C-alpha atoms as a PDB file:
ATOM      1  CA  MET A   1       0.000   0.000   0.000  1.00  0.00           C
ATOM      2  CA  GLU A   2       1.273   3.464  -0.865  1.00  0.00           C
ATOM      3  CA  LYS A   3       1.960   5.774   2.061  1.00  0.00           C
ATOM      4  CA  PHE A   4       1.102   9.073   0.324  1.00  0.00           C
ATOM      5  CA  GLU A   5      -0.711  10.580  -2.625  1.00  0.00           C
ATOM      6  CA  LEU A   6      -0.437  13.822  -4.555  1.00  0.00           C
ATOM      7  CA  SER A   7      -3.276  16.161  -3.581  1.00  0.00           C
ATOM      8  CA  GLU A   8      -4.906  18.847  -5.716  1.00  0.00           C
ATOM      9  CA  GLN A   9      -3.139  21.628  -3.755  1.00  0.00           C
ATOM     10  CA  THR A  10      -0.397  23.123  -5.905  1.00  0.00           C
ATOM     11  CA  HIS A  11       2.520  25.546  -5.794  1.00  0.00           C
ATOM     12  CA  GLU A  12       4.048  27.079  -8.917  1.00  0.00           C
ATOM     13  CA  LEU A  13       7.810  27.580  -9.008  1.00  0.00           C
ATOM     14  CA  PRO A  14       9.221  30.771 -10.577  1.00  0.00           C
ATOM     15  CA  ASP A  15      10.228  28.731 -13.664  1.00  0.00           C
ATOM     16  CA  GLY A  16       6.623  27.577 -14.164  1.00  0.00           C
ATOM     17  CA  ARG A  17       6.962  24.022 -12.824  1.00  0.00           C
ATOM     18  CA  LEU A  18       3.949  22.925 -10.803  1.00  0.00           C
ATOM     19  CA  LEU A  19       4.445  21.150  -7.470  1.00  0.00           C
ATOM     20  CA  ARG A  20       1.717  19.242  -5.653  1.00  0.00           C
ATOM     21  CA  ARG A  21       1.194  18.898  -1.906  1.00  0.00           C
ATOM     22  CA  ILE A  22       1.449  15.354  -0.539  1.00  0.00           C
ATOM     23  CA  ARG A  23      -1.116  13.727   1.760  1.00  0.00           C
ATOM     24  CA  ALA A  24      -0.470  10.693   3.991  1.00  0.00           C
ATOM     25  CA  LEU A  25      -2.579   7.623   3.203  1.00  0.00           C
ATOM     26  CA  GLN A  26      -1.493   5.767   6.341  1.00  0.00           C
ATOM     27  CA  ASN A  27       0.006   6.493   9.742  1.00  0.00           C
ATOM     28  CA  ILE A  28       3.755   7.075   9.498  1.00  0.00           C
ATOM     29  CA  GLY A  29       5.296   7.272  12.963  1.00  0.00           C
ATOM     30  CA  SER A  30       3.546  10.168  14.752  1.00  0.00           C
ATOM     31  CA  LEU A  31       2.041  11.357  11.455  1.00  0.00           C
ATOM     32  CA  THR A  32      -1.607  10.340  11.028  1.00  0.00           C
ATOM     33  CA  ALA A  33      -3.303   9.314   7.808  1.00  0.00           C
ATOM     34  CA  GLY A  34      -4.885  12.300   6.061  1.00  0.00           C
ATOM     35  CA  THR A  35      -2.178  14.754   7.159  1.00  0.00           C
ATOM     36  CA  TYR A  36      -0.921  17.065   4.437  1.00  0.00           C
ATOM     37  CA  GLY A  37       2.804  17.470   3.945  1.00  0.00           C
ATOM     38  CA  GLY A  38       5.030  19.607   1.756  1.00  0.00           C
ATOM     39  CA  PHE A  39       5.285  19.772  -2.022  1.00  0.00           C
ATOM     40  CA  VAL A  40       6.825  17.501  -4.665  1.00  0.00           C
ATOM     41  CA  GLU A  41       7.115  17.701  -8.429  1.00  0.00           C
ATOM     42  CA  THR A  42       6.483  13.956  -8.881  1.00  0.00           C
ATOM     43  CA  SER A  43       5.816  10.993  -6.605  1.00  0.00           C
ATOM     44  CA  GLU A  44       9.426   9.911  -7.314  1.00  0.00           C
ATOM     45  CA  ASN A  45      10.697  12.766  -5.105  1.00  0.00           C
ATOM     46  CA  LEU A  46       9.581  10.928  -1.925  1.00  0.00           C
ATOM     47  CA  SER A  47      10.049   7.218  -1.328  1.00  0.00           C
ATOM     48  CA  GLN A  48       6.935   5.174  -0.589  1.00  0.00           C
ATOM     49  CA  ASN A  49       9.104   3.100   1.798  1.00  0.00           C
ATOM     50  CA  GLY A  50      10.428   3.949   5.249  1.00  0.00           C
ATOM     51  CA  ALA A  51       9.305   6.802   7.507  1.00  0.00           C
ATOM     52  CA  CYS A  52      10.682   9.608   5.309  1.00  0.00           C
ATOM     53  CA  TRP A  53       8.414  12.642   4.963  1.00  0.00           C
ATOM     54  CA  ILE A  54       8.285  16.174   3.612  1.00  0.00           C
ATOM     55  CA  TRP A  55       6.621  18.532   6.094  1.00  0.00           C
ATOM     56  CA  HIS A  56       5.068  22.006   6.144  1.00  0.00           C
ATOM     57  CA  ASP A  57       5.842  24.066   3.029  1.00  0.00           C
ATOM     58  CA  ALA A  58       9.092  22.273   2.164  1.00  0.00           C
ATOM     59  CA  LYS A  59       9.602  21.606  -1.537  1.00  0.00           C
ATOM     60  CA  VAL A  60      11.392  18.697  -3.225  1.00  0.00           C
ATOM     61  CA  PHE A  61      11.611  18.799  -7.016  1.00  0.00           C
ATOM     62  CA  GLY A  62      13.679  17.960 -10.086  1.00  0.00           C
ATOM     63  CA  ASN A  63      15.313  14.556  -9.654  1.00  0.00           C
ATOM     64  CA  ALA A  64      15.857  15.110  -5.921  1.00  0.00           C
ATOM     65  CA  ARG A  65      14.881  12.229  -3.672  1.00  0.00           C
ATOM     66  CA  VAL A  66      14.005  11.855   0.021  1.00  0.00           C
ATOM     67  CA  CYS A  67      14.201   8.267   1.290  1.00  0.00           C
ATOM     68  CA  ASP A  68      14.699   5.944   4.269  1.00  0.00           C
ATOM     69  CA  ASN A  69      13.782   7.866   7.469  1.00  0.00           C
ATOM     70  CA  ALA A  70      14.933  11.302   6.291  1.00  0.00           C
ATOM     71  CA  ARG A  71      12.772  14.372   6.937  1.00  0.00           C
ATOM     72  CA  VAL A  72      12.525  17.731   5.188  1.00  0.00           C
ATOM     73  CA  HIS A  73      10.773  20.533   7.137  1.00  0.00           C
ATOM     74  CA  GLY A  74       9.919  24.217   7.094  1.00  0.00           C
ATOM     75  CA  CYS A  75      10.954  26.491   4.258  1.00  0.00           C
ATOM     76  CA  ALA A  76      13.453  24.090   2.689  1.00  0.00           C
ATOM     77  CA  GLU A  77      14.014  23.476  -1.016  1.00  0.00           C
ATOM     78  CA  VAL A  78      15.686  20.275  -2.204  1.00  0.00           C
ATOM     79  CA  SER A  79      16.277  20.081  -5.954  1.00  0.00           C
ATOM     80  CA  GLY A  80      18.519  18.901  -8.790  1.00  0.00           C
ATOM     81  CA  ASN A  81      19.800  15.381  -8.144  1.00  0.00           C
ATOM     82  CA  ALA A  82      20.152  15.827  -4.366  1.00  0.00           C
ATOM     83  CA  ILE A  83      19.608  12.779  -2.151  1.00  0.00           C
ATOM     84  CA  ILE A  84      18.435  13.093   1.448  1.00  0.00           C
ATOM     85  CA  SER A  85      18.653   9.665   3.110  1.00  0.00           C
ATOM     86  CA  ASP A  86      19.099   7.593   6.260  1.00  0.00           C
ATOM     87  CA  ASN A  87      17.995   9.674   9.294  1.00  0.00           C
ATOM     88  CA  ALA A  88      19.030  13.049   7.856  1.00  0.00           C
ATOM     89  CA  LEU A  89      17.029  16.113   8.910  1.00  0.00           C
ATOM     90  CA  ILE A  90      16.644  19.213   6.741  1.00  0.00           C
ATOM     91  CA  PHE A  91      14.908  22.084   8.563  1.00  0.00           C
ATOM     92  CA  GLY A  92      14.579  25.452   6.809  1.00  0.00           C
ATOM     93  CA  ARG A  93      13.598  28.657   8.609  1.00  0.00           C
ATOM     94  CA  TYR A  94      10.677  30.782   7.474  1.00  0.00           C
ATOM     95  CA  THR A  95      12.708  33.980   7.926  1.00  0.00           C
ATOM     96  CA  GLY A  96      15.266  35.066   5.357  1.00  0.00           C
ATOM     97  CA  PRO A  97      16.113  33.038   2.270  1.00  0.00           C
ATOM     98  CA  CYS A  98      14.922  29.429   2.187  1.00  0.00           C
ATOM     99  CA  LEU A  99      17.352  26.662   2.986  1.00  0.00           C
ATOM    100  CA  GLN A 100      18.473  25.190  -0.346  1.00  0.00           C
ATOM    101  CA  VAL A 101      19.996  21.812  -1.170  1.00  0.00           C
ATOM    102  CA  SER A 102      20.585  21.347  -4.898  1.00  0.00           C
ATOM    103  CA  ASP A 103      22.621  19.755  -7.699  1.00  0.00           C
ATOM    104  CA  HIS A 104      24.203  16.430  -6.612  1.00  0.00           C
ATOM    105  CA  VAL A 105      24.350  17.073  -2.857  1.00  0.00           C
ATOM    106  CA  ASN A 106      24.075  13.965  -0.673  1.00  0.00           C
ATOM    107  CA  VAL A 107      22.947  14.321   2.968  1.00  0.00           C
ATOM    108  CA  SER A 108      22.936  11.057   4.942  1.00  0.00           C
ATOM    109  CA  GLY A 109      23.467   9.396   8.302  1.00  0.00           C
ATOM    110  CA  ASN A 110      22.174  11.532  11.178  1.00  0.00           C
ATOM    111  CA  ALA A 111      23.261  14.790   9.562  1.00  0.00           C
ATOM    112  CA  PHE A 112      21.303  17.982  10.286  1.00  0.00           C
ATOM    113  CA  ILE A 113      20.987  20.903   7.863  1.00  0.00           C
ATOM    114  CA  GLY A 114      19.107  23.921   9.227  1.00  0.00           C
ATOM    115  CA  ASP A 115      18.222  27.592   9.126  1.00  0.00           C
ATOM    116  CA  ASN A 116      19.154  29.318   5.844  1.00  0.00           C
ATOM    117  CA  ALA A 117      22.080  27.127   4.750  1.00  0.00           C
ATOM    118  CA  GLN A 118      22.762  26.632   1.044  1.00  0.00           C
ATOM    119  CA  LEU A 119      24.440  23.492  -0.309  1.00  0.00           C
ATOM    120  CA  SER A 120      25.159  22.854  -3.988  1.00  0.00           C
ATOM    121  CA  GLY A 121      27.516  21.017  -6.326  1.00  0.00           C
ATOM    122  CA  ASN A 122      28.724  17.563  -5.251  1.00  0.00           C
ATOM    123  CA  VAL A 123      28.773  18.257  -1.514  1.00  0.00           C
ATOM    124  CA  LYS A 124      28.465  15.353   0.938  1.00  0.00           C
ATOM    125  CA  VAL A 125      27.258  15.827   4.526  1.00  0.00           C
ATOM    126  CA  LYS A 126      27.028  12.677   6.639  1.00  0.00           C
ATOM    127  CA  ASP A 127      27.377  10.995  10.026  1.00  0.00           C
ATOM    128  CA  HIS A 128      26.391  13.421  12.832  1.00  0.00           C
ATOM    129  CA  ALA A 129      27.517  16.608  11.100  1.00  0.00           C
ATOM    130  CA  LYS A 130      25.503  19.792  11.672  1.00  0.00           C
ATOM    131  CA  VAL A 131      25.237  22.699   9.224  1.00  0.00           C
ATOM    132  CA  PHE A 132      23.111  25.724  10.117  1.00  0.00           C
ATOM    133  CA  GLY A 133      22.939  29.502  10.063  1.00  0.00           C
ATOM    134  CA  HIS A 134      23.832  31.161   6.751  1.00  0.00           C
ATOM    135  CA  VAL A 135      26.531  28.638   5.827  1.00  0.00           C
ATOM    136  CA  ARG A 136      27.365  28.152   2.127  1.00  0.00           C
ATOM    137  CA  ILE A 137      28.924  24.857   0.993  1.00  0.00           C
ATOM    138  CA  TYR A 138      29.594  23.977  -2.630  1.00  0.00           C
ATOM    139  CA  ASP A 139      31.865  22.206  -5.146  1.00  0.00           C
ATOM    140  CA  HIS A 140      33.129  18.839  -3.768  1.00  0.00           C
ATOM    141  CA  ALA A 141      33.345  19.682  -0.061  1.00  0.00           C
ATOM    142  CA  GLN A 142      32.762  16.878   2.453  1.00  0.00           C
ATOM    143  CA  ILE A 143      31.473  17.365   5.992  1.00  0.00           C
ATOM    144  CA  SER A 144      31.355  14.359   8.338  1.00  0.00           C
ATOM    145  CA  GLY A 145      31.872  13.016  11.844  1.00  0.00           C
ATOM    146  CA  HIS A 146      30.553  15.444  14.464  1.00  0.00           C
ATOM    147  CA  ALA A 147      31.683  18.545  12.584  1.00  0.00           C
ATOM    148  CA  MET A 148      29.649  21.738  13.054  1.00  0.00           C
ATOM    149  CA  LEU A 149      29.447  24.584  10.546  1.00  0.00           C
ATOM    150  CA  TYR A 150      27.418  27.651  11.435  1.00  0.00           C
ATOM    151  CA  ASP A 151      27.066  31.435  11.272  1.00  0.00           C
ATOM    152  CA  ASN A 152      28.367  32.705   7.891  1.00  0.00           C
ATOM    153  CA  ALA A 153      31.044  30.091   7.173  1.00  0.00           C
ATOM    154  CA  LYS A 154      31.834  29.330   3.534  1.00  0.00           C
ATOM    155  CA  ILE A 155      33.286  26.000   2.401  1.00  0.00           C
ATOM    156  CA  TRP A 156      34.147  25.014  -1.170  1.00  0.00           C
ATOM    157  CA  GLY A 157      36.631  23.219  -3.408  1.00  0.00           C
ATOM    158  CA  ARG A 158      37.586  19.770  -2.144  1.00  0.00           C
ATOM    159  CA  ALA A 159      37.715  20.834   1.490  1.00  0.00           C
ATOM    160  CA  VAL A 160      37.110  18.089   4.062  1.00  0.00           C
ATOM    161  CA  ILE A 161      35.871  18.918   7.549  1.00  0.00           C
ATOM    162  CA  ASN A 162      35.426  16.061   9.999  1.00  0.00           C
ATOM    163  CA  GLY A 163      36.007  14.890  13.554  1.00  0.00           C
ATOM    164  CA  TYR A 164      34.690  17.446  16.052  1.00  0.00           C
ATOM    165  CA  ALA A 165      35.887  20.428  14.026  1.00  0.00           C
ATOM    166  CA  GLN A 166      33.883  23.658  14.162  1.00  0.00           C
ATOM    167  CA  VAL A 167      33.903  26.291  11.427  1.00  0.00           C
ATOM    168  CA  TYR A 168      31.865  29.396  12.196  1.00  0.00           C
ATOM    169  CA  LYS A 169      31.506  33.182  12.139  1.00  0.00           C
ATOM    170  CA  ASN A 170      33.001  34.381   8.821  1.00  0.00           C
ATOM    171  CA  ALA A 171      35.573  31.610   8.331  1.00  0.00           C
ATOM    172  CA  ILE A 172      36.314  30.476   4.771  1.00  0.00           C
ATOM    173  CA  VAL A 173      37.765  27.049   3.937  1.00  0.00           C
ATOM    174  CA  ASN A 174      38.501  26.059   0.349  1.00  0.00           C
ATOM    175  CA  ASP A 175      40.735  24.097  -2.026  1.00  0.00           C
ATOM    176  CA  ASP A 176      42.101  20.716  -0.807  1.00  0.00           C
ATOM    177  CA  VAL A 177      42.205  21.599   2.881  1.00  0.00           C
ATOM    178  CA  LEU A 178      41.503  19.065   5.666  1.00  0.00           C
ATOM    179  CA  ILE A 179      40.137  20.402   8.971  1.00  0.00           C
ATOM    180  CA  THR A 180      39.818  17.649  11.584  1.00  0.00           C
ATOM    181  CA  GLY A 181      40.055  16.755  15.269  1.00  0.00           C
ATOM    182  CA  PHE A 182      38.859  19.451  17.668  1.00  0.00           C
ATOM    183  CA  THR A 183      39.906  22.369  15.452  1.00  0.00           C
ATOM    184  CA  ARG A 184      37.872  25.578  15.774  1.00  0.00           C
ATOM    185  CA  LEU A 185      37.972  28.214  13.034  1.00  0.00           C
ATOM    186  CA  ALA A 186      36.162  31.508  13.484  1.00  0.00           C
ATOM    187  CA  GLU A 187      36.198  35.202  12.623  1.00  0.00           C
ATOM    188  CA  VAL A 188      37.960  35.954   9.361  1.00  0.00           C
ATOM    189  CA  TYR A 189      40.122  32.877   8.882  1.00  0.00           C
ATOM    190  CA  HIS A 190      40.609  32.031   5.224  1.00  0.00           C
ATOM    191  CA  ILE A 191      42.174  28.584   4.971  1.00  0.00           C
ATOM    192  CA  TYR A 192      43.304  27.460   1.530  1.00  0.00           C
ATOM    193  CA  GLN A 193      46.041  25.441  -0.138  1.00  0.00           C
ATOM    194  CA  THR A 194      49.038  27.260  -1.587  1.00  0.00           C
ATOM    195  CA  TYR A 195      50.899  25.873  -4.563  1.00  0.00           C
END
């Protein structure tokens, strides 16, 4: 039995694509049958298996997919070929620009993406990593372990941040840099590889 259907409620994207609000057909965890969720472009954007769900006004479109027990909440937009899986939580704020996950981004494990963060390119966020605030991550950056990125941090290139590292305030990390252990970068640090 399918766990959700596409309702008649719609939302039009600026490019003219029409999204439809989902409605639960069965109880899914604490969610009761008949509850409306967020918006999808097609039923392929949300797996019929597992406890995954798109809540509130969150939007998942393009070839993006939410599966397993992952959840997308609030004012979040997941698009392109992004995959949100395992127990990942995406929670966008209703103030400021919407949280955006796009392109080929992969969020998995128990990772948390929140507030007004923007992730694009081939970024991977996994394990227990947390990304929130106005953080921007793009290119091939990888965030894992218990790493925390917040405030206005910017990460790009092939940067890897893992362990219990924290990158925050206005720190910038790019190129092939590895930040690990209990490292804390804040203020106006700009860490990059020199050739």
